[in-house]
Amino acid sequence: MTVSSPSSTHPLWPALAAARDVALEAVAETLWPTRCVLCDAPGATLCPRCAQTLPYIDALTACSRCGAPHGAVQCTECNPVMLEGAGYEAFPLDAAVSAVLLTARTRRIVTTFKDQGERRLAHDMAAIVARYLPPQWLAEDCAISYVPATAAARRRRGFDHAELLARELSWHASCEYAPLLRAPHHRDQRKLSRHERALNAARSMEVLPGASVPSRLVVVDDVCTTGATLYAAATALRAAGAATVFGATFARA
C-alpha cells in the first residue's frame, strides 16, 4: 500500500499548513526565545518597559515645521541660512516629525533592525511613529511612501529597512502603501559631512518609471540626521505631481 503525500489542492491542506507553521514557530520560540533588543527580557523584540522609557521628542517643544527636538521658538535646522546651505530656497516638506532622539539606546534599535536583520522591530518602530502623525495629515487620500535604500544596501542587508517601516506604518495609520522612489546614484550618507549629504541626496532620488504619484504623501525613513534624504525625496515627488509631502522618521539626530 502506497501512502501519497497531501496535495496542495486537497481541501485540508491549508489547515495542515497553518498548523505546521504554528508548530514550527512554537519550536523556534522555545529554542530561541524572542528577547528585547534593549534589556534582553524574553517575550518581545521591544518590551513595554523599554518602550515606555525611550527618549521621546516632546511635540510642544519641537519645531512645528521640521520636527527638530528643541526648535519650537527658534529652529536651528530649517531656518533660511541652513536651507540655503543645503541648496533649498524654502523648506521642501510641508512638515516633518520624528518620534525619538537618536541616543545609544535608540541607535541600538535602529542598527539591530536594519544591520542585524531583526525585521520584527519594524512593527514596534512603526507603532511609535504612528503616534506622532498628526490626524490632519492622514486625509482620506493620503498614502505612505519611503526613502529607498540603494541596491548595494539592499543586497547587503537582504531587505529595504525603510520599505518595511513604511508597510507597517501604512497598516497602523490605515493609509495606502505606495512605493514610488528609487535611489540609482547614492553614496552611504553615514560618513559624509552635512554639505556632502545635501549634494549626495539631491541627485539620489527618482520616481519609479510609470508610477502614479498621489497628491498627498507621508515619506518615511528610519533616522533624520540633516534631513537631506527626506528633502530629496520630497523634491522628486513634487516634481512628479505630489501637492503635499510630509516626512516622518523614527529617530532624530
C-alpha atoms as a PDB file:
ATOM      1  CA  MET A   1       0.000   0.000   0.000  1.00  0.00           C
ATOM      2  CA  THR A   2       1.410   3.378  -1.006  1.00  0.00           C
ATOM      3  CA  VAL A   3       0.646   6.446   1.082  1.00  0.00           C
ATOM      4  CA  SER A   4       0.660   9.594  -1.017  1.00  0.00           C
ATOM      5  CA  SER A   5       1.671  12.961   0.389  1.00  0.00           C
ATOM      6  CA  PRO A   6      -1.076  15.578   0.749  1.00  0.00           C
ATOM      7  CA  SER A   7      -1.593  17.650  -2.369  1.00  0.00           C
ATOM      8  CA  SER A   8      -1.623  21.410  -2.238  1.00  0.00           C
ATOM      9  CA  THR A   9      -5.090  21.209  -3.828  1.00  0.00           C
ATOM     10  CA  HIS A  10      -6.519  18.969  -1.089  1.00  0.00           C
ATOM     11  CA  PRO A  11      -9.186  20.845   0.929  1.00  0.00           C
ATOM     12  CA  LEU A  12      -7.426  20.060   4.225  1.00  0.00           C
ATOM     13  CA  TRP A  13      -4.021  21.262   3.052  1.00  0.00           C
ATOM     14  CA  PRO A  14      -4.382  24.973   4.058  1.00  0.00           C
ATOM     15  CA  ALA A  15      -5.344  23.955   7.611  1.00  0.00           C
ATOM     16  CA  LEU A  16      -2.485  21.448   7.795  1.00  0.00           C
ATOM     17  CA  ALA A  17      -0.019  24.029   6.508  1.00  0.00           C
ATOM     18  CA  ALA A  18      -1.223  26.591   9.063  1.00  0.00           C
ATOM     19  CA  ALA A  19      -0.897  24.035  11.886  1.00  0.00           C
ATOM     20  CA  ARG A  20       2.607  23.183  10.692  1.00  0.00           C
ATOM     21  CA  ASP A  21       3.630  26.843  10.700  1.00  0.00           C
ATOM     22  CA  VAL A  22       2.277  27.340  14.234  1.00  0.00           C
ATOM     23  CA  ALA A  23       4.144  24.258  15.441  1.00  0.00           C
ATOM     24  CA  LEU A  24       7.403  25.360  13.821  1.00  0.00           C
ATOM     25  CA  GLU A  25       7.055  28.827  15.333  1.00  0.00           C
ATOM     26  CA  ALA A  26       6.425  27.306  18.782  1.00  0.00           C
ATOM     27  CA  VAL A  27       9.526  25.123  18.484  1.00  0.00           C
ATOM     28  CA  ALA A  28      11.640  28.067  17.300  1.00  0.00           C
ATOM     29  CA  GLU A  29      10.365  30.247  20.150  1.00  0.00           C
ATOM     30  CA  THR A  30      11.230  27.511  22.651  1.00  0.00           C
ATOM     31  CA  LEU A  31      14.757  27.070  21.320  1.00  0.00           C
ATOM     32  CA  TRP A  32      15.448  30.725  20.504  1.00  0.00           C
ATOM     33  CA  PRO A  33      13.012  32.852  22.529  1.00  0.00           C
ATOM     34  CA  THR A  34      12.301  36.390  21.367  1.00  0.00           C
ATOM     35  CA  ARG A  35      14.131  38.885  23.553  1.00  0.00           C
ATOM     36  CA  CYS A  36      14.008  42.635  23.974  1.00  0.00           C
ATOM     37  CA  VAL A  37      16.711  44.364  21.948  1.00  0.00           C
ATOM     38  CA  LEU A  38      17.482  46.711  24.863  1.00  0.00           C
ATOM     39  CA  CYS A  39      17.160  44.704  28.090  1.00  0.00           C
ATOM     40  CA  ASP A  40      17.169  41.090  26.839  1.00  0.00           C
ATOM     41  CA  ALA A  41      13.905  40.303  28.623  1.00  0.00           C
ATOM     42  CA  PRO A  42      12.027  37.438  26.903  1.00  0.00           C
ATOM     43  CA  GLY A  43       8.730  37.852  25.118  1.00  0.00           C
ATOM     44  CA  ALA A  44       9.059  40.799  22.706  1.00  0.00           C
ATOM     45  CA  THR A  45      11.574  42.468  20.403  1.00  0.00           C
ATOM     46  CA  LEU A  46      10.959  45.714  22.336  1.00  0.00           C
ATOM     47  CA  CYS A  47       9.434  45.119  25.755  1.00  0.00           C
ATOM     48  CA  PRO A  48       6.770  47.500  27.135  1.00  0.00           C
ATOM     49  CA  ARG A  49       9.067  48.759  29.892  1.00  0.00           C
ATOM     50  CA  CYS A  50      11.842  49.731  27.473  1.00  0.00           C
ATOM     51  CA  ALA A  51       9.343  51.195  25.010  1.00  0.00           C
ATOM     52  CA  GLN A  52       7.957  53.456  27.758  1.00  0.00           C
ATOM     53  CA  THR A  53      11.390  54.784  28.704  1.00  0.00           C
ATOM     54  CA  LEU A  54      12.667  55.753  25.259  1.00  0.00           C
ATOM     55  CA  PRO A  55      13.780  59.406  24.787  1.00  0.00           C
ATOM     56  CA  TYR A  56      10.591  60.615  23.137  1.00  0.00           C
ATOM     57  CA  ILE A  57      10.554  64.027  21.489  1.00  0.00           C
ATOM     58  CA  ASP A  58       8.136  66.483  23.092  1.00  0.00           C
ATOM     59  CA  ALA A  59       5.906  67.805  20.340  1.00  0.00           C
ATOM     60  CA  LEU A  60       5.311  71.007  22.348  1.00  0.00           C
ATOM     61  CA  THR A  61       8.989  71.971  22.244  1.00  0.00           C
ATOM     62  CA  ALA A  62       9.785  70.571  18.773  1.00  0.00           C
ATOM     63  CA  CYS A  63       9.793  72.674  15.628  1.00  0.00           C
ATOM     64  CA  SER A  64       6.329  72.506  14.099  1.00  0.00           C
ATOM     65  CA  ARG A  65       7.837  72.588  10.606  1.00  0.00           C
ATOM     66  CA  CYS A  66      10.850  70.248  10.574  1.00  0.00           C
ATOM     67  CA  GLY A  67      10.400  68.387  13.860  1.00  0.00           C
ATOM     68  CA  ALA A  68      13.765  69.404  15.373  1.00  0.00           C
ATOM     69  CA  PRO A  69      13.545  68.479  19.087  1.00  0.00           C
ATOM     70  CA  HIS A  70      14.032  71.981  20.546  1.00  0.00           C
ATOM     71  CA  GLY A  71      13.022  74.251  17.690  1.00  0.00           C
ATOM     72  CA  ALA A  72       9.598  75.473  18.766  1.00  0.00           C
ATOM     73  CA  VAL A  73      10.761  79.051  19.436  1.00  0.00           C
ATOM     74  CA  GLN A  74      13.765  79.391  17.123  1.00  0.00           C
ATOM     75  CA  CYS A  75      14.761  76.434  14.952  1.00  0.00           C
ATOM     76  CA  THR A  76      18.417  75.997  14.048  1.00  0.00           C
ATOM     77  CA  GLU A  77      17.692  73.270  11.485  1.00  0.00           C
ATOM     78  CA  CYS A  78      15.181  74.669   8.987  1.00  0.00           C
ATOM     79  CA  ASN A  79      15.966  78.394   9.067  1.00  0.00           C
ATOM     80  CA  PRO A  80      16.790  80.169   5.767  1.00  0.00           C
ATOM     81  CA  VAL A  81      20.550  80.031   6.356  1.00  0.00           C
ATOM     82  CA  MET A  82      20.589  76.255   6.885  1.00  0.00           C
ATOM     83  CA  LEU A  83      18.256  75.655   3.952  1.00  0.00           C
ATOM     84  CA  GLU A  84      20.365  77.813   1.655  1.00  0.00           C
ATOM     85  CA  GLY A  85      23.449  75.833   2.663  1.00  0.00           C
ATOM     86  CA  ALA A  86      21.622  72.673   1.624  1.00  0.00           C
ATOM     87  CA  GLY A  87      20.620  74.203  -1.707  1.00  0.00           C
ATOM     88  CA  TYR A  88      16.974  74.996  -0.948  1.00  0.00           C
ATOM     89  CA  GLU A  89      15.173  78.344  -1.055  1.00  0.00           C
ATOM     90  CA  ALA A  90      12.270  77.011   1.026  1.00  0.00           C
ATOM     91  CA  PHE A  91      11.596  74.044   3.267  1.00  0.00           C
ATOM     92  CA  PRO A  92      10.958  71.139   0.838  1.00  0.00           C
ATOM     93  CA  LEU A  93       8.396  69.360   3.034  1.00  0.00           C
ATOM     94  CA  ASP A  94       5.056  70.626   4.253  1.00  0.00           C
ATOM     95  CA  ALA A  95       6.074  69.415   7.719  1.00  0.00           C
ATOM     96  CA  ALA A  96       8.089  66.642   9.364  1.00  0.00           C
ATOM     97  CA  VAL A  97       8.045  64.736  12.643  1.00  0.00           C
ATOM     98  CA  SER A  98      10.369  62.347  14.461  1.00  0.00           C
ATOM     99  CA  ALA A  99       9.428  60.189  17.424  1.00  0.00           C
ATOM    100  CA  VAL A 100      12.610  59.748  19.487  1.00  0.00           C
ATOM    101  CA  LEU A 101      16.038  61.267  19.941  1.00  0.00           C
ATOM    102  CA  LEU A 102      18.921  59.317  18.442  1.00  0.00           C
ATOM    103  CA  THR A 103      20.779  58.118  21.540  1.00  0.00           C
ATOM    104  CA  ALA A 104      22.807  54.997  22.278  1.00  0.00           C
ATOM    105  CA  ARG A 105      19.583  53.117  23.113  1.00  0.00           C
ATOM    106  CA  THR A 106      17.571  54.155  20.074  1.00  0.00           C
ATOM    107  CA  ARG A 107      20.596  53.722  17.809  1.00  0.00           C
ATOM    108  CA  ARG A 108      20.756  50.127  19.037  1.00  0.00           C
ATOM    109  CA  ILE A 109      17.139  49.606  17.962  1.00  0.00           C
ATOM    110  CA  VAL A 110      17.877  51.042  14.514  1.00  0.00           C
ATOM    111  CA  THR A 111      21.093  49.086  13.919  1.00  0.00           C
ATOM    112  CA  THR A 112      19.606  45.829  15.211  1.00  0.00           C
ATOM    113  CA  PHE A 113      16.701  46.349  12.834  1.00  0.00           C
ATOM    114  CA  LYS A 114      18.489  47.255   9.646  1.00  0.00           C
ATOM    115  CA  ASP A 115      22.045  45.931  10.060  1.00  0.00           C
ATOM    116  CA  GLN A 116      21.405  42.785  12.103  1.00  0.00           C
ATOM    117  CA  GLY A 117      18.203  41.795  10.334  1.00  0.00           C
ATOM    118  CA  GLU A 118      15.686  41.842  13.198  1.00  0.00           C
ATOM    119  CA  ARG A 119      12.826  42.723  10.890  1.00  0.00           C
ATOM    120  CA  ARG A 120      10.152  42.343  13.561  1.00  0.00           C
ATOM    121  CA  LEU A 121      11.329  45.654  15.027  1.00  0.00           C
ATOM    122  CA  ALA A 122       9.670  47.388  12.064  1.00  0.00           C
ATOM    123  CA  HIS A 123       6.315  46.772  13.738  1.00  0.00           C
ATOM    124  CA  ASP A 124       7.467  48.274  17.058  1.00  0.00           C
ATOM    125  CA  MET A 125       9.104  51.279  15.410  1.00  0.00           C
ATOM    126  CA  ALA A 126       6.125  51.974  13.156  1.00  0.00           C
ATOM    127  CA  ALA A 127       3.726  51.805  16.112  1.00  0.00           C
ATOM    128  CA  ILE A 128       5.787  54.510  17.836  1.00  0.00           C
ATOM    129  CA  VAL A 129       5.994  56.715  14.722  1.00  0.00           C
ATOM    130  CA  ALA A 130       2.244  56.357  14.135  1.00  0.00           C
ATOM    131  CA  ARG A 131       1.538  58.132  17.426  1.00  0.00           C
ATOM    132  CA  TYR A 132       3.392  61.197  16.118  1.00  0.00           C
ATOM    133  CA  LEU A 133       1.457  61.542  12.861  1.00  0.00           C
ATOM    134  CA  PRO A 134      -0.981  64.468  13.203  1.00  0.00           C
ATOM    135  CA  PRO A 135      -4.547  63.357  12.330  1.00  0.00           C
ATOM    136  CA  GLN A 136      -4.836  66.151   9.768  1.00  0.00           C
ATOM    137  CA  TRP A 137      -2.008  64.569   7.757  1.00  0.00           C
ATOM    138  CA  LEU A 138      -3.963  61.355   7.318  1.00  0.00           C
ATOM    139  CA  ALA A 139      -6.671  62.558   4.994  1.00  0.00           C
ATOM    140  CA  GLU A 140      -8.658  60.004   3.048  1.00  0.00           C
ATOM    141  CA  ASP A 141      -6.384  60.263   0.013  1.00  0.00           C
ATOM    142  CA  CYS A 142      -3.092  60.100   1.967  1.00  0.00           C
ATOM    143  CA  ALA A 143      -0.517  57.413   1.101  1.00  0.00           C
ATOM    144  CA  ILE A 144       2.639  56.230   2.862  1.00  0.00           C
ATOM    145  CA  SER A 145       5.884  56.023   0.872  1.00  0.00           C
ATOM    146  CA  TYR A 146       9.533  55.769   1.905  1.00  0.00           C
ATOM    147  CA  VAL A 147      13.110  56.822   1.230  1.00  0.00           C
ATOM    148  CA  PRO A 148      14.558  53.831  -0.660  1.00  0.00           C
ATOM    149  CA  ALA A 149      17.848  52.148   0.133  1.00  0.00           C
ATOM    150  CA  THR A 150      20.425  51.756  -2.601  1.00  0.00           C
ATOM    151  CA  ALA A 151      20.699  48.487  -4.487  1.00  0.00           C
ATOM    152  CA  ALA A 152      24.014  47.820  -2.724  1.00  0.00           C
ATOM    153  CA  ALA A 153      22.422  48.308   0.709  1.00  0.00           C
ATOM    154  CA  ARG A 154      19.515  46.011  -0.168  1.00  0.00           C
ATOM    155  CA  ARG A 155      21.926  43.317  -1.299  1.00  0.00           C
ATOM    156  CA  ARG A 156      23.989  43.684   1.871  1.00  0.00           C
ATOM    157  CA  ARG A 157      21.011  43.533   4.216  1.00  0.00           C
ATOM    158  CA  GLY A 158      18.679  41.350   2.200  1.00  0.00           C
ATOM    159  CA  PHE A 159      15.808  43.833   2.515  1.00  0.00           C
ATOM    160  CA  ASP A 160      14.978  47.539   2.437  1.00  0.00           C
ATOM    161  CA  HIS A 161      14.516  48.696   6.031  1.00  0.00           C
ATOM    162  CA  ALA A 162      12.531  51.840   5.161  1.00  0.00           C
ATOM    163  CA  GLU A 163      10.207  49.805   2.950  1.00  0.00           C
ATOM    164  CA  LEU A 164       9.342  47.511   5.872  1.00  0.00           C
ATOM    165  CA  LEU A 165       8.856  50.516   8.138  1.00  0.00           C
ATOM    166  CA  ALA A 166       6.536  52.163   5.593  1.00  0.00           C
ATOM    167  CA  ARG A 167       4.496  48.981   5.141  1.00  0.00           C
ATOM    168  CA  GLU A 168       3.982  48.687   8.885  1.00  0.00           C
ATOM    169  CA  LEU A 169       3.204  52.386   9.251  1.00  0.00           C
ATOM    170  CA  SER A 170       0.620  52.240   6.475  1.00  0.00           C
ATOM    171  CA  TRP A 171      -1.134  49.494   8.460  1.00  0.00           C
ATOM    172  CA  HIS A 172      -1.012  51.450  11.727  1.00  0.00           C
ATOM    173  CA  ALA A 173      -2.195  54.656  10.040  1.00  0.00           C
ATOM    174  CA  SER A 174      -4.810  52.938   7.844  1.00  0.00           C
ATOM    175  CA  CYS A 175      -3.317  54.556   4.737  1.00  0.00           C
ATOM    176  CA  GLU A 176      -2.405  53.227   1.328  1.00  0.00           C
ATOM    177  CA  TYR A 177       1.158  51.964   0.931  1.00  0.00           C
ATOM    178  CA  ALA A 178       2.823  53.460  -2.155  1.00  0.00           C
ATOM    179  CA  PRO A 179       6.382  52.503  -3.226  1.00  0.00           C
ATOM    180  CA  LEU A 180       7.298  55.400  -5.506  1.00  0.00           C
ATOM    181  CA  LEU A 181      11.032  56.126  -5.396  1.00  0.00           C
ATOM    182  CA  ARG A 182      14.357  54.574  -6.275  1.00  0.00           C
ATOM    183  CA  ALA A 183      17.907  55.612  -5.437  1.00  0.00           C
ATOM    184  CA  PRO A 184      20.028  54.890  -8.516  1.00  0.00           C
ATOM    185  CA  HIS A 185      23.023  57.075  -7.589  1.00  0.00           C
ATOM    186  CA  HIS A 186      23.619  57.307  -3.887  1.00  0.00           C
ATOM    187  CA  ARG A 187      26.636  57.051  -1.583  1.00  0.00           C
ATOM    188  CA  ASP A 188      26.345  55.909   2.016  1.00  0.00           C
ATOM    189  CA  GLN A 189      25.337  59.046   3.934  1.00  0.00           C
ATOM    190  CA  ARG A 190      26.761  57.992   7.302  1.00  0.00           C
ATOM    191  CA  LYS A 191      30.343  59.119   6.629  1.00  0.00           C
ATOM    192  CA  LEU A 192      29.523  62.380   4.832  1.00  0.00           C
ATOM    193  CA  SER A 193      29.505  65.949   6.140  1.00  0.00           C
ATOM    194  CA  ARG A 194      26.286  67.993   6.196  1.00  0.00           C
ATOM    195  CA  HIS A 195      27.184  69.698   2.900  1.00  0.00           C
ATOM    196  CA  GLU A 196      28.212  66.402   1.292  1.00  0.00           C
ATOM    197  CA  ARG A 197      24.975  64.784   2.455  1.00  0.00           C
ATOM    198  CA  ALA A 198      22.958  67.545   0.794  1.00  0.00           C
ATOM    199  CA  LEU A 199      24.804  67.242  -2.522  1.00  0.00           C
ATOM    200  CA  ASN A 200      24.689  63.440  -2.433  1.00  0.00           C
ATOM    201  CA  ALA A 201      20.989  63.268  -1.619  1.00  0.00           C
ATOM    202  CA  ALA A 202      19.945  65.979  -4.082  1.00  0.00           C
ATOM    203  CA  ARG A 203      20.760  63.749  -7.046  1.00  0.00           C
ATOM    204  CA  SER A 204      19.891  60.438  -5.423  1.00  0.00           C
ATOM    205  CA  MET A 205      16.108  60.163  -5.792  1.00  0.00           C
ATOM    206  CA  GLU A 206      13.993  59.323  -8.805  1.00  0.00           C
ATOM    207  CA  VAL A 207      10.332  58.467  -9.110  1.00  0.00           C
ATOM    208  CA  LEU A 208       9.827  54.948 -10.446  1.00  0.00           C
ATOM    209  CA  PRO A 209       9.008  54.903 -14.175  1.00  0.00           C
ATOM    210  CA  GLY A 210       5.272  54.768 -14.724  1.00  0.00           C
ATOM    211  CA  ALA A 211       4.437  55.377 -11.055  1.00  0.00           C
ATOM    212  CA  SER A 212       1.189  57.199 -10.310  1.00  0.00           C
ATOM    213  CA  VAL A 213       2.054  59.695  -7.584  1.00  0.00           C
ATOM    214  CA  PRO A 214      -0.755  60.533  -5.116  1.00  0.00           C
ATOM    215  CA  SER A 215      -1.357  64.172  -4.313  1.00  0.00           C
ATOM    216  CA  ARG A 216      -0.803  63.678  -0.555  1.00  0.00           C
ATOM    217  CA  LEU A 217       2.049  61.626   0.886  1.00  0.00           C
ATOM    218  CA  VAL A 218       3.930  60.814   4.070  1.00  0.00           C
ATOM    219  CA  VAL A 219       7.541  59.799   3.301  1.00  0.00           C
ATOM    220  CA  VAL A 220       9.152  57.508   5.879  1.00  0.00           C
ATOM    221  CA  ASP A 221      12.758  56.862   6.887  1.00  0.00           C
ATOM    222  CA  ASP A 222      14.407  55.376   9.967  1.00  0.00           C
ATOM    223  CA  VAL A 223      16.601  58.325  11.042  1.00  0.00           C
ATOM    224  CA  CYS A 224      16.706  62.039  10.226  1.00  0.00           C
ATOM    225  CA  THR A 225      20.213  63.452  10.549  1.00  0.00           C
ATOM    226  CA  THR A 226      20.332  66.550   8.338  1.00  0.00           C
ATOM    227  CA  GLY A 227      17.053  65.929   6.513  1.00  0.00           C
ATOM    228  CA  ALA A 228      18.887  65.660   3.174  1.00  0.00           C
ATOM    229  CA  THR A 229      17.322  62.385   2.035  1.00  0.00           C
ATOM    230  CA  LEU A 230      13.812  63.430   3.050  1.00  0.00           C
ATOM    231  CA  TYR A 231      14.283  66.738   1.239  1.00  0.00           C
ATOM    232  CA  ALA A 232      15.453  64.959  -1.914  1.00  0.00           C
ATOM    233  CA  ALA A 233      12.519  62.554  -1.766  1.00  0.00           C
ATOM    234  CA  ALA A 234      10.039  65.402  -1.363  1.00  0.00           C
ATOM    235  CA  THR A 235      11.590  67.324  -4.256  1.00  0.00           C
ATOM    236  CA  ALA A 236      11.355  64.307  -6.581  1.00  0.00           C
ATOM    237  CA  LEU A 237       7.760  63.577  -5.565  1.00  0.00           C
ATOM    238  CA  ARG A 238       6.649  67.179  -6.030  1.00  0.00           C
ATOM    239  CA  ALA A 239       8.225  67.231  -9.485  1.00  0.00           C
ATOM    240  CA  ALA A 240       6.114  64.148 -10.295  1.00  0.00           C
ATOM    241  CA  GLY A 241       2.863  65.749  -9.171  1.00  0.00           C
ATOM    242  CA  ALA A 242       2.573  65.435  -5.379  1.00  0.00           C
ATOM    243  CA  ALA A 243       0.949  68.533  -3.895  1.00  0.00           C
ATOM    244  CA  THR A 244       1.533  67.804  -0.203  1.00  0.00           C
ATOM    245  CA  VAL A 245       4.504  65.872   1.187  1.00  0.00           C
ATOM    246  CA  PHE A 246       5.159  65.207   4.869  1.00  0.00           C
ATOM    247  CA  GLY A 247       8.165  63.468   6.400  1.00  0.00           C
ATOM    248  CA  ALA A 248       8.256  61.014   9.318  1.00  0.00           C
ATOM    249  CA  THR A 249      11.183  59.217  10.939  1.00  0.00           C
ATOM    250  CA  PHE A 250      11.641  57.002  13.966  1.00  0.00           C
ATOM    251  CA  ALA A 251      14.690  58.853  15.322  1.00  0.00           C
ATOM    252  CA  ARG A 252      16.173  62.335  15.047  1.00  0.00           C
ATOM    253  CA  ALA A 253      19.868  63.057  15.426  1.00  0.00           C
END
